[in-house]
Amino acid sequence: MPSHVRAAARPRGERSTAFVVSRIAVLAVAGAILLYAVPPLVAAGSWVSLTLLGAATAVIACLYLTRRFIPAKYLIPGTVFLLAFQVFPVLYTVTTAFTNFGDGHRGDKAAAIEAVQTGSVRQAPGSPEYTLTVALRGEELVFLLVDPDTKQVSLGTRAGVEPLAGARLGVTGKVLAAPGLTVLKAPEAAARGPEITALAVPTGDGLIKANGLSRAVEGKAALVYDAACDCVRGDGGPWTADESQGYFVNAEGEHLAQGWQVNVGLDNFLRVLTNPTISGYFAGVLGWNLAFALASVLGTFALGISVALALHHPRMRGTKIYRIVLILPYAMPAFAMLMVWRDMFNRDFGLINQLLGAEIDWLGQTGTARLGVVLVNLWLGFPYMFLVTTGALQAIPRELTEAAAIDGATPWKAFRRVTLPLLLVALTPLLISSFAFNFNNFNVIALTTDGGPFPAENPQVGGTDLLITYTFRLAFGPSGAQFGFAAAISVFIFAIVAVISAVAFRRTRKQEEVYA
């Protein structure tokens, strides 16, 4: 019975109940998002975002509180999820690729100036020292400062220092309780260590900074921002603001560690193409990346279809037991099995060398390491291909292969001319998605070889590195996180996979037209 006939045949009460439940669910989710997002948006002063959120919630409420616009009721949730989980991440990645966003460039210029000044605070001889207790005033982190001599308690915030009355001290001199404040226990304070280190309390003569979790000292900033010259004066300076790179730079070309986020245009993309450290190895990594993805897809497909055809044979017995055993690699945690395989390939005590009676350094040579990761990925990936091929085989009528046999076709010719083309019509989109997945298969490389083996002259790129692992090492290595640069390489990877997928889908459409 057609779907629209079945829908019409349902009782009206059942359809009304389902409609009411779905409408309530959508309105509840929209209302929950609104209530959750409004307080932080108001606190941050994001009035444009707040207006857009309110308008979107109003549209959803008007749409689902009426019985009209039935198609829109189904399209709106799908469109929202598409924008939230597909369009927005892609656009955010692309826009990030045109910035210097990363460690040292996470905030604006004002935040960078504050970090430069507070980070350069040095204790002067004879400057005051305090017993420190960390507390919360609402959500704000504050210092409770106790003068060891007078036992006077002061409240230290980003705005300054003020006397605090009513605080209760312990035998160690630390504050145990204070009115209107929540005193953090030692484990809670330790968990917020970076925030405590970053907090600087201004005084008339300098700044008070934490020295550990129990002591605070007053010092002076060695670097001070001068708005008149838009520069930082102090040790090694003056450091002039370079708006194109988001750094304070001195006459020798050196820059301060803390900068700010700016738009750098195509610099990240040009760095990939012109930096010899990167571009010199990009083509080689790309070639191996393509070979790994193709070998993984073709290998898993060949093994999966072979096993599926064997179990699909009408004379085969015990197929349920075989299927359970064959999907075990697919059901087990991949990260754990990858580390098990890494130990199995160990030259000294690995199971493979013990079984072969050999001493092959599987992961220490480029050729054997590449063969090893392909075999590991084959073991992990073929159960998926086995499952989807088994499902596709069920949809192919046996009469077609029987007719081919009657016409004199051998089993191989019947498979190649009848079964395989029909399978490819159904499975080609899955093969393309599998290629895209394996092209960016970070886990199998990172957990098995970590990109190695590495040549002595270049520890940045290894023999089994894919573009994604190579990117990770370049962008998040010892120099810190460089999200803008990582996003630029991600755009390159996206373009490569998109072009290959588009070509493959075009050939798939031609194939579907032939066998339609």
Protein backbone atom coordinates (compact mmCIF):
# COMPACT_ATOMS: atom_id res chain seq x y z
CA MET A 1 0.00 0.00 0.00
CA PRO A 2 1.45 3.42 -0.87
CA SER A 3 2.64 5.55 2.05
CA HIS A 4 0.08 8.32 1.46
CA VAL A 5 -2.72 5.73 1.42
CA ARG A 6 -1.46 4.23 4.69
CA ALA A 7 -1.27 7.71 6.26
CA ALA A 8 -4.80 8.46 5.18
CA ALA A 9 -6.00 5.13 6.56
CA ARG A 10 -4.66 5.89 10.06
CA PRO A 11 -7.19 6.94 12.70
CA ARG A 12 -7.50 10.71 12.98
CA GLY A 13 -6.87 10.59 16.71
CA GLU A 14 -3.56 8.79 16.20
CA ARG A 15 -2.37 11.39 13.67
CA SER A 16 -3.48 14.26 15.94
CA THR A 17 -1.69 12.79 18.96
CA ALA A 18 1.56 12.37 17.01
CA PHE A 19 1.28 15.93 15.69
CA VAL A 20 0.69 17.38 19.18
CA VAL A 21 3.58 15.42 20.69
CA SER A 22 6.02 16.47 17.97
CA ARG A 23 4.87 20.09 18.22
CA ILE A 24 5.34 20.12 21.99
CA ALA A 25 8.80 18.56 21.61
CA VAL A 26 9.97 21.20 19.13
CA LEU A 27 8.58 24.07 21.22
CA ALA A 28 10.16 22.63 24.38
CA VAL A 29 13.59 22.37 22.73
CA ALA A 30 13.33 25.91 21.33
CA GLY A 31 12.27 27.27 24.73
CA ALA A 32 15.07 25.42 26.54
CA ILE A 33 17.68 26.81 24.15
CA LEU A 34 16.29 30.31 24.63
CA LEU A 35 16.37 30.07 28.44
CA TYR A 36 19.87 28.61 28.41
CA ALA A 37 21.36 31.14 25.99
CA VAL A 38 19.78 34.41 27.18
CA PRO A 39 21.75 34.92 30.46
CA PRO A 40 25.25 34.55 28.95
CA LEU A 41 24.29 36.67 25.92
CA VAL A 42 22.96 39.43 28.17
CA ALA A 43 26.05 39.24 30.38
CA ALA A 44 28.32 39.50 27.32
CA GLY A 45 26.25 42.31 25.78
CA SER A 46 25.72 40.34 22.55
CA TRP A 47 22.53 42.18 21.59
CA VAL A 48 22.66 41.20 17.91
CA SER A 49 22.88 37.50 18.77
CA LEU A 50 20.17 37.91 21.38
CA THR A 51 17.89 39.60 18.83
CA LEU A 52 18.47 36.86 16.25
CA LEU A 53 17.82 34.16 18.83
CA GLY A 54 14.61 35.84 19.95
CA ALA A 55 13.42 36.28 16.37
CA ALA A 56 14.15 32.64 15.53
CA THR A 57 12.31 31.45 18.64
CA ALA A 58 9.32 33.67 17.80
CA VAL A 59 9.17 32.28 14.25
CA ILE A 60 9.29 28.70 15.53
CA ALA A 61 6.58 29.42 18.10
CA CYS A 62 4.27 31.01 15.50
CA LEU A 63 4.92 28.15 13.09
CA TYR A 64 4.18 25.33 15.54
CA LEU A 65 1.26 26.97 17.31
CA THR A 66 -0.81 26.90 14.16
CA ARG A 67 -2.11 24.05 12.00
CA ARG A 68 -1.01 25.79 8.80
CA PHE A 69 2.35 25.50 6.98
CA ILE A 70 2.57 21.71 7.37
CA PRO A 71 5.61 21.27 5.02
CA ALA A 72 7.54 23.97 6.87
CA LYS A 73 7.02 22.16 10.16
CA TYR A 74 9.10 19.28 8.81
CA LEU A 75 11.63 21.38 6.88
CA ILE A 76 12.56 23.78 9.69
CA PRO A 77 14.13 21.19 12.09
CA GLY A 78 16.13 19.60 9.27
CA THR A 79 17.31 23.00 8.06
CA VAL A 80 18.36 24.02 11.57
CA PHE A 81 20.37 20.83 12.06
CA LEU A 82 21.94 21.23 8.61
CA LEU A 83 23.03 24.77 9.43
CA ALA A 84 24.24 23.90 12.93
CA PHE A 85 26.18 20.72 12.18
CA GLN A 86 27.23 21.15 8.54
CA VAL A 87 27.16 24.69 7.21
CA PHE A 88 28.33 26.55 10.32
CA PRO A 89 31.38 24.29 11.07
CA VAL A 90 32.52 24.54 7.44
CA LEU A 91 32.10 28.32 7.32
CA TYR A 92 33.84 28.70 10.69
CA THR A 93 36.78 26.59 9.50
CA VAL A 94 37.10 28.58 6.28
CA THR A 95 36.96 31.95 8.06
CA THR A 96 39.48 30.76 10.66
CA ALA A 97 41.88 29.87 7.84
CA PHE A 98 42.20 33.59 7.03
CA THR A 99 43.24 34.52 10.60
CA ASN A 100 46.23 33.91 12.88
CA PHE A 101 44.01 32.35 15.56
CA GLY A 102 46.02 30.12 17.87
CA ASP A 103 48.18 30.14 20.99
CA GLY A 104 49.19 33.73 21.66
CA HIS A 105 46.46 35.01 19.32
CA ARG A 106 43.22 33.98 21.01
CA GLY A 107 41.82 37.34 22.05
CA ASP A 108 41.68 40.95 20.98
CA LYS A 109 44.36 43.61 21.35
CA ALA A 110 43.10 44.82 24.73
CA ALA A 111 43.37 41.31 26.16
CA ALA A 112 46.87 40.98 24.70
CA ILE A 113 47.99 44.23 26.33
CA GLU A 114 46.63 43.10 29.70
CA ALA A 115 48.36 39.72 29.35
CA VAL A 116 51.68 41.34 28.40
CA GLN A 117 51.61 43.69 31.37
CA THR A 118 50.41 41.20 33.98
CA GLY A 119 52.72 38.49 32.69
CA SER A 120 55.77 40.74 33.17
CA VAL A 121 55.12 41.52 36.84
CA ARG A 122 58.29 41.05 38.91
CA GLN A 123 58.52 41.21 42.69
CA ALA A 124 60.63 44.11 43.89
CA PRO A 125 62.86 43.79 46.98
CA GLY A 126 60.92 44.66 50.11
CA SER A 127 57.53 44.59 48.40
CA PRO A 128 54.51 43.37 50.43
CA GLU A 129 53.69 39.67 50.65
CA TYR A 130 50.30 38.23 51.60
CA THR A 131 48.79 34.94 52.69
CA LEU A 132 46.51 34.01 49.80
CA THR A 133 43.10 32.36 49.79
CA VAL A 134 41.17 31.96 46.52
CA ALA A 135 37.41 32.51 46.55
CA LEU A 136 34.44 33.11 44.27
CA ARG A 137 32.13 36.13 44.32
CA GLY A 138 29.30 34.76 42.25
CA GLU A 139 31.16 33.54 39.16
CA GLU A 140 34.09 35.95 39.59
CA LEU A 141 37.42 34.64 40.87
CA VAL A 142 38.84 36.84 43.66
CA PHE A 143 41.79 36.90 46.06
CA LEU A 144 41.49 37.08 49.84
CA LEU A 145 44.73 38.70 50.98
CA VAL A 146 45.87 38.53 54.62
CA ASP A 147 48.66 40.77 55.84
CA PRO A 148 50.89 38.46 57.95
CA ASP A 149 51.75 41.26 60.40
CA THR A 150 48.44 43.01 61.00
CA LYS A 151 46.11 40.08 60.07
CA GLN A 152 44.03 42.58 58.09
CA VAL A 153 42.01 40.90 55.31
CA SER A 154 41.57 42.56 51.92
CA LEU A 155 39.55 41.62 48.88
CA GLY A 156 41.53 41.64 45.62
CA THR A 157 39.73 41.83 42.27
CA ARG A 158 40.59 42.99 38.76
CA ALA A 159 39.33 46.43 39.82
CA GLY A 160 41.64 46.78 42.81
CA VAL A 161 41.98 46.12 46.54
CA GLU A 162 39.39 46.92 49.23
CA PRO A 163 39.11 46.06 52.94
CA LEU A 164 37.02 43.02 53.83
CA ALA A 165 35.23 42.75 57.18
CA GLY A 166 33.83 39.66 58.85
CA ALA A 167 36.34 37.15 57.49
CA ARG A 168 37.22 34.16 59.70
CA LEU A 169 40.87 33.10 59.76
CA GLY A 170 42.37 29.69 60.47
CA VAL A 171 45.49 28.82 62.43
CA THR A 172 47.58 28.97 59.25
CA GLY A 173 46.48 32.53 58.56
CA LYS A 174 44.31 31.63 55.58
CA VAL A 175 40.67 32.69 55.33
CA LEU A 176 38.21 29.93 56.22
CA ALA A 177 34.99 31.85 55.49
CA ALA A 178 33.94 35.32 54.39
CA PRO A 179 30.50 36.92 54.00
CA GLY A 180 29.13 36.78 50.47
CA LEU A 181 32.06 34.71 49.19
CA THR A 182 32.66 31.02 48.49
CA VAL A 183 36.13 29.96 49.65
CA LEU A 184 37.67 27.36 47.34
CA LYS A 185 39.24 24.28 48.84
CA ALA A 186 42.75 23.29 47.77
CA PRO A 187 41.69 20.77 45.06
CA GLU A 188 39.15 23.26 43.65
CA ALA A 189 41.76 26.02 43.54
CA ALA A 190 44.32 23.72 41.94
CA ALA A 191 41.83 22.89 39.18
CA ARG A 192 41.63 26.60 38.35
CA GLY A 193 45.37 27.16 38.38
CA PRO A 194 45.62 28.98 35.00
CA GLU A 195 42.89 31.44 36.05
CA ILE A 196 44.63 32.12 39.37
CA THR A 197 47.96 32.69 37.63
CA ALA A 198 46.38 35.08 35.13
CA LEU A 199 44.56 37.20 37.73
CA ALA A 200 46.37 40.46 38.53
CA VAL A 201 45.07 42.83 41.22
CA PRO A 202 46.06 46.46 40.60
CA THR A 203 47.35 48.60 43.46
CA GLY A 204 48.64 52.13 43.69
CA ASP A 205 52.25 51.01 43.21
CA GLY A 206 51.94 47.90 41.06
CA LEU A 207 50.09 44.60 40.79
CA ILE A 208 49.43 41.73 43.16
CA LYS A 209 49.97 38.29 41.64
CA ALA A 210 49.61 34.79 43.05
CA ASN A 211 52.79 32.86 43.80
CA GLY A 212 51.37 29.37 44.13
CA LEU A 213 48.06 28.79 45.90
CA SER A 214 48.96 30.08 49.37
CA ARG A 215 51.04 33.17 48.75
CA ALA A 216 50.66 36.44 46.84
CA VAL A 217 53.24 39.14 46.22
CA GLU A 218 53.12 42.71 45.01
CA GLY A 219 55.35 43.66 42.13
CA LYS A 220 55.70 45.97 39.16
CA ALA A 221 55.23 45.27 35.46
CA ALA A 222 58.47 45.21 33.47
CA LEU A 223 56.48 45.90 30.30
CA VAL A 224 53.98 48.78 30.18
CA TYR A 225 51.74 49.76 27.26
CA ASP A 226 51.97 53.35 26.03
CA ALA A 227 48.88 54.40 24.06
CA ALA A 228 50.62 57.50 22.70
CA CYS A 229 53.00 55.45 20.55
CA ASP A 230 50.85 52.31 20.44
CA CYS A 231 53.80 50.37 21.80
CA VAL A 232 54.99 48.49 24.86
CA ARG A 233 57.88 50.02 26.74
CA GLY A 234 60.25 48.04 28.89
CA ASP A 235 62.82 45.27 28.63
CA GLY A 236 64.14 45.00 25.07
CA GLY A 237 61.69 47.61 23.79
CA PRO A 238 60.05 49.63 22.67
CA TRP A 239 57.80 46.97 21.12
CA THR A 240 55.65 48.53 18.38
CA ALA A 241 52.27 47.11 17.45
CA ASP A 242 52.25 45.28 14.09
CA GLU A 243 48.57 45.20 13.14
CA SER A 244 49.16 42.96 10.11
CA GLN A 245 50.57 40.10 12.22
CA GLY A 246 48.97 40.82 15.60
CA TYR A 247 52.25 41.18 17.52
CA PHE A 248 54.32 43.74 19.40
CA VAL A 249 57.66 43.84 17.55
CA ASN A 250 60.95 45.55 18.46
CA ALA A 251 63.65 47.00 16.20
CA GLU A 252 65.45 43.64 15.90
CA GLY A 253 62.32 41.95 14.54
CA GLU A 254 61.65 40.02 17.73
CA HIS A 255 58.09 39.88 19.04
CA LEU A 256 56.44 39.35 22.39
CA ALA A 257 54.88 35.96 23.00
CA GLN A 258 51.40 37.37 23.53
CA GLY A 259 49.61 38.78 20.49
CA TRP A 260 46.05 39.23 19.29
CA GLN A 261 43.83 37.79 16.58
CA VAL A 262 43.86 39.55 13.20
CA ASN A 263 42.95 38.78 9.62
CA VAL A 264 46.08 37.65 7.75
CA GLY A 265 44.47 37.11 4.36
CA LEU A 266 46.04 34.31 2.31
CA ASP A 267 49.19 34.02 4.44
CA ASN A 268 48.26 30.61 5.85
CA PHE A 269 47.55 29.22 2.37
CA LEU A 270 50.74 30.73 0.94
CA ARG A 271 52.69 29.22 3.81
CA VAL A 272 51.51 25.76 2.77
CA LEU A 273 52.57 26.37 -0.85
CA THR A 274 55.79 28.36 -0.39
CA ASN A 275 57.34 27.24 2.91
CA PRO A 276 59.95 24.63 1.84
CA THR A 277 59.61 22.81 5.16
CA ILE A 278 55.95 22.16 4.32
CA SER A 279 55.57 22.27 0.53
CA GLY A 280 58.66 20.12 -0.01
CA TYR A 281 56.90 17.14 1.59
CA PHE A 282 53.28 17.97 0.77
CA ALA A 283 53.24 16.12 -2.58
CA GLY A 284 54.83 12.98 -1.12
CA VAL A 285 52.42 12.88 1.81
CA LEU A 286 49.49 13.48 -0.55
CA GLY A 287 50.57 10.61 -2.82
CA TRP A 288 50.81 8.17 0.09
CA ASN A 289 47.52 9.53 1.45
CA LEU A 290 45.74 8.74 -1.82
CA ALA A 291 47.36 5.29 -2.01
CA PHE A 292 46.39 4.50 1.60
CA ALA A 293 42.76 5.58 1.09
CA LEU A 294 42.42 3.66 -2.19
CA ALA A 295 44.11 0.52 -0.80
CA SER A 296 41.88 0.64 2.28
CA VAL A 297 38.67 1.04 0.29
CA LEU A 298 39.50 -1.48 -2.44
CA GLY A 299 40.95 -4.00 0.04
CA THR A 300 38.04 -3.86 2.46
CA PHE A 301 35.54 -3.96 -0.41
CA ALA A 302 37.23 -6.94 -2.07
CA LEU A 303 37.47 -8.91 1.17
CA GLY A 304 34.01 -7.91 2.32
CA ILE A 305 32.32 -8.85 -0.95
CA SER A 306 34.24 -12.15 -1.12
CA VAL A 307 33.07 -13.18 2.34
CA ALA A 308 29.52 -11.95 1.67
CA LEU A 309 29.30 -13.95 -1.58
CA ALA A 310 30.58 -17.07 0.17
CA LEU A 311 27.97 -16.79 2.91
CA HIS A 312 25.28 -15.88 0.38
CA HIS A 313 25.67 -19.19 -1.44
CA PRO A 314 22.52 -21.33 -1.05
CA ARG A 315 24.54 -24.38 0.02
CA MET A 316 26.34 -22.55 2.79
CA ARG A 317 25.49 -23.73 6.32
CA GLY A 318 26.03 -22.01 9.69
CA THR A 319 25.90 -18.54 8.16
CA LYS A 320 24.62 -16.91 11.37
CA ILE A 321 27.64 -18.11 13.35
CA TYR A 322 30.05 -16.99 10.63
CA ARG A 323 28.44 -13.55 10.45
CA ILE A 324 28.71 -13.05 14.21
CA VAL A 325 32.39 -13.99 14.16
CA LEU A 326 33.17 -11.81 11.13
CA ILE A 327 31.69 -8.62 12.56
CA LEU A 328 33.66 -8.87 15.83
CA PRO A 329 36.40 -6.46 14.63
CA TYR A 330 33.67 -3.94 13.81
CA ALA A 331 32.11 -4.32 17.26
CA MET A 332 35.32 -3.93 19.28
CA PRO A 333 36.73 -0.50 20.29
CA ALA A 334 39.00 0.61 17.45
CA PHE A 335 41.44 2.58 19.61
CA ALA A 336 42.13 -0.47 21.83
CA MET A 337 42.58 -2.82 18.88
CA LEU A 338 44.94 -0.37 17.15
CA MET A 339 47.24 -0.37 20.16
CA VAL A 340 47.05 -4.18 20.30
CA TRP A 341 48.09 -4.35 16.63
CA ARG A 342 50.94 -1.92 17.34
CA ASP A 343 52.30 -4.33 19.95
CA MET A 344 51.80 -7.27 17.61
CA PHE A 345 54.08 -5.56 15.08
CA ASN A 346 56.82 -4.99 17.68
CA ARG A 347 60.18 -6.28 16.47
CA ASP A 348 61.35 -7.77 19.78
CA PHE A 349 58.26 -9.29 21.40
CA GLY A 350 55.49 -8.88 18.83
CA LEU A 351 53.22 -11.84 18.08
CA ILE A 352 53.73 -11.62 14.32
CA ASN A 353 57.50 -12.00 14.51
CA GLN A 354 57.11 -14.82 17.02
CA LEU A 355 54.77 -16.70 14.68
CA LEU A 356 57.03 -16.13 11.67
CA GLY A 357 60.22 -16.79 13.60
CA ALA A 358 61.60 -13.52 12.21
CA GLU A 359 63.00 -10.25 13.50
CA ILE A 360 61.37 -7.82 11.06
CA ASP A 361 61.25 -4.20 12.20
CA TRP A 362 57.73 -3.74 10.89
CA LEU A 363 57.19 -0.20 12.14
CA GLY A 364 60.79 0.92 11.75
CA GLN A 365 60.91 0.77 7.94
CA THR A 366 58.72 2.82 5.63
CA GLY A 367 57.66 -0.04 3.34
CA THR A 368 56.71 -2.52 6.06
CA ALA A 369 55.13 0.21 8.21
CA ARG A 370 52.87 1.23 5.33
CA LEU A 371 51.98 -2.38 4.65
CA GLY A 372 51.23 -2.83 8.34
CA VAL A 373 48.81 0.11 8.63
CA VAL A 374 47.01 -1.01 5.46
CA LEU A 375 46.60 -4.53 6.90
CA VAL A 376 45.37 -3.14 10.22
CA ASN A 377 42.85 -0.92 8.44
CA LEU A 378 41.78 -3.89 6.30
CA TRP A 379 41.08 -5.91 9.44
CA LEU A 380 39.12 -3.07 11.00
CA GLY A 381 37.19 -2.05 7.87
CA PHE A 382 36.17 -5.21 6.05
CA PRO A 383 33.30 -6.12 8.46
CA TYR A 384 31.54 -2.90 7.45
CA MET A 385 31.86 -3.75 3.76
CA PHE A 386 30.74 -7.30 4.53
CA LEU A 387 27.58 -6.04 6.22
CA VAL A 388 26.57 -3.55 3.51
CA THR A 389 27.38 -6.02 0.73
CA THR A 390 25.32 -8.71 2.44
CA GLY A 391 22.36 -6.33 2.54
CA ALA A 392 22.80 -5.36 -1.10
CA LEU A 393 23.02 -9.00 -2.19
CA GLN A 394 19.67 -9.69 -0.55
CA ALA A 395 18.08 -7.14 -2.89
CA ILE A 396 19.41 -8.78 -6.09
CA PRO A 397 16.95 -11.42 -7.36
CA ARG A 398 18.54 -14.86 -7.73
CA GLU A 399 16.64 -15.21 -11.01
CA LEU A 400 19.15 -12.88 -12.68
CA THR A 401 22.17 -15.03 -11.88
CA GLU A 402 20.21 -18.18 -12.67
CA ALA A 403 19.25 -16.74 -16.06
CA ALA A 404 22.90 -15.91 -16.73
CA ALA A 405 23.88 -19.49 -15.89
CA ILE A 406 21.20 -20.83 -18.25
CA ASP A 407 22.62 -18.61 -21.00
CA GLY A 408 25.99 -20.31 -20.51
CA ALA A 409 27.78 -17.70 -18.39
CA THR A 410 30.46 -18.98 -16.02
CA PRO A 411 30.17 -18.05 -12.33
CA TRP A 412 32.93 -15.45 -12.75
CA LYS A 413 31.30 -13.90 -15.83
CA ALA A 414 27.88 -13.87 -14.11
CA PHE A 415 29.43 -12.09 -11.14
CA ARG A 416 31.34 -9.58 -13.29
CA ARG A 417 28.49 -8.80 -15.71
CA VAL A 418 25.41 -9.11 -13.45
CA THR A 419 26.10 -9.14 -9.71
CA LEU A 420 28.97 -6.65 -9.48
CA PRO A 421 27.37 -3.86 -11.58
CA LEU A 422 24.16 -4.10 -9.57
CA LEU A 423 26.14 -4.03 -6.33
CA LEU A 424 28.12 -0.99 -7.44
CA VAL A 425 24.93 0.94 -8.19
CA ALA A 426 23.92 0.51 -4.55
CA LEU A 427 27.36 0.63 -2.90
CA THR A 428 29.27 3.30 -4.84
CA PRO A 429 28.07 6.14 -2.55
CA LEU A 430 29.24 4.09 0.44
CA LEU A 431 32.59 3.46 -1.23
CA ILE A 432 33.00 7.19 -1.82
CA SER A 433 32.17 7.98 1.80
CA SER A 434 34.58 5.25 2.90
CA PHE A 435 37.30 6.86 0.75
CA ALA A 436 36.65 10.25 2.37
CA PHE A 437 36.78 8.66 5.83
CA ASN A 438 40.04 6.82 5.17
CA PHE A 439 41.59 9.88 3.54
CA ASN A 440 41.30 11.53 6.99
CA ASN A 441 41.78 8.40 9.09
CA PHE A 442 43.73 9.99 11.93
CA ASN A 443 43.30 7.23 14.51
CA VAL A 444 44.77 4.32 12.57
CA ILE A 445 48.00 6.24 11.92
CA ALA A 446 48.30 8.08 15.24
CA LEU A 447 47.68 4.99 17.39
CA THR A 448 49.67 2.50 15.30
CA THR A 449 52.78 4.27 13.98
CA ASP A 450 52.29 7.91 15.06
CA GLY A 451 53.29 8.82 11.51
CA GLY A 452 56.68 7.10 11.70
CA PRO A 453 59.25 6.01 10.84
CA PHE A 454 60.90 9.43 10.70
CA PRO A 455 64.05 10.17 8.72
CA ALA A 456 66.98 11.53 10.71
CA GLU A 457 67.08 14.76 8.70
CA ASN A 458 63.40 15.64 9.21
CA PRO A 459 61.47 14.67 12.36
CA GLN A 460 58.41 16.63 11.17
CA VAL A 461 57.10 14.19 8.53
CA GLY A 462 57.09 10.40 8.79
CA GLY A 463 56.80 7.58 6.29
CA THR A 464 53.17 6.77 7.17
CA ASP A 465 51.94 10.32 7.78
CA LEU A 466 48.64 11.24 6.17
CA LEU A 467 47.82 14.87 5.49
CA ILE A 468 45.69 14.97 8.62
CA THR A 469 48.46 13.63 10.93
CA TYR A 470 51.05 15.81 9.17
CA THR A 471 48.80 18.82 9.70
CA PHE A 472 48.30 17.97 13.36
CA ARG A 473 52.04 17.77 13.97
CA LEU A 474 52.73 21.05 12.17
CA ALA A 475 49.85 23.01 13.67
CA PHE A 476 49.85 21.61 17.22
CA GLY A 477 53.49 20.75 17.74
CA PRO A 478 56.09 22.27 20.07
CA SER A 479 55.39 25.80 18.80
CA GLY A 480 51.83 25.66 20.17
CA ALA A 481 48.39 25.46 18.62
CA GLN A 482 47.98 27.28 15.29
CA PHE A 483 44.30 26.91 14.52
CA GLY A 484 44.36 29.29 11.56
CA PHE A 485 47.13 27.34 9.84
CA ALA A 486 45.41 24.02 10.62
CA ALA A 487 42.17 25.37 9.15
CA ALA A 488 44.01 26.39 5.95
CA ILE A 489 45.36 22.87 5.44
CA SER A 490 41.90 21.49 6.28
CA VAL A 491 40.50 23.60 3.43
CA PHE A 492 43.08 22.04 1.09
CA ILE A 493 42.10 18.55 2.27
CA PHE A 494 38.41 19.38 1.91
CA ALA A 495 38.98 20.60 -1.66
CA ILE A 496 40.91 17.44 -2.62
CA VAL A 497 38.28 15.09 -1.18
CA ALA A 498 35.43 17.17 -2.66
CA VAL A 499 36.91 17.05 -6.17
CA ILE A 500 37.51 13.29 -6.02
CA SER A 501 34.04 12.68 -4.60
CA ALA A 502 32.38 14.89 -7.22
CA VAL A 503 34.11 12.99 -10.04
CA ALA A 504 33.15 9.66 -8.49
CA PHE A 505 29.52 10.69 -8.01
CA ARG A 506 29.36 11.85 -11.62
CA ARG A 507 30.52 8.44 -12.80
CA THR A 508 28.01 6.87 -10.42
CA ARG A 509 25.13 8.75 -12.04
CA LYS A 510 26.20 7.50 -15.47
CA GLN A 511 26.33 3.97 -14.10
CA GLU A 512 22.85 4.29 -12.62
CA GLU A 513 21.51 5.48 -15.99
CA VAL A 514 22.93 2.39 -17.67
CA TYR A 515 21.44 -0.07 -15.18
CA ALA A 516 18.21 1.83 -14.48
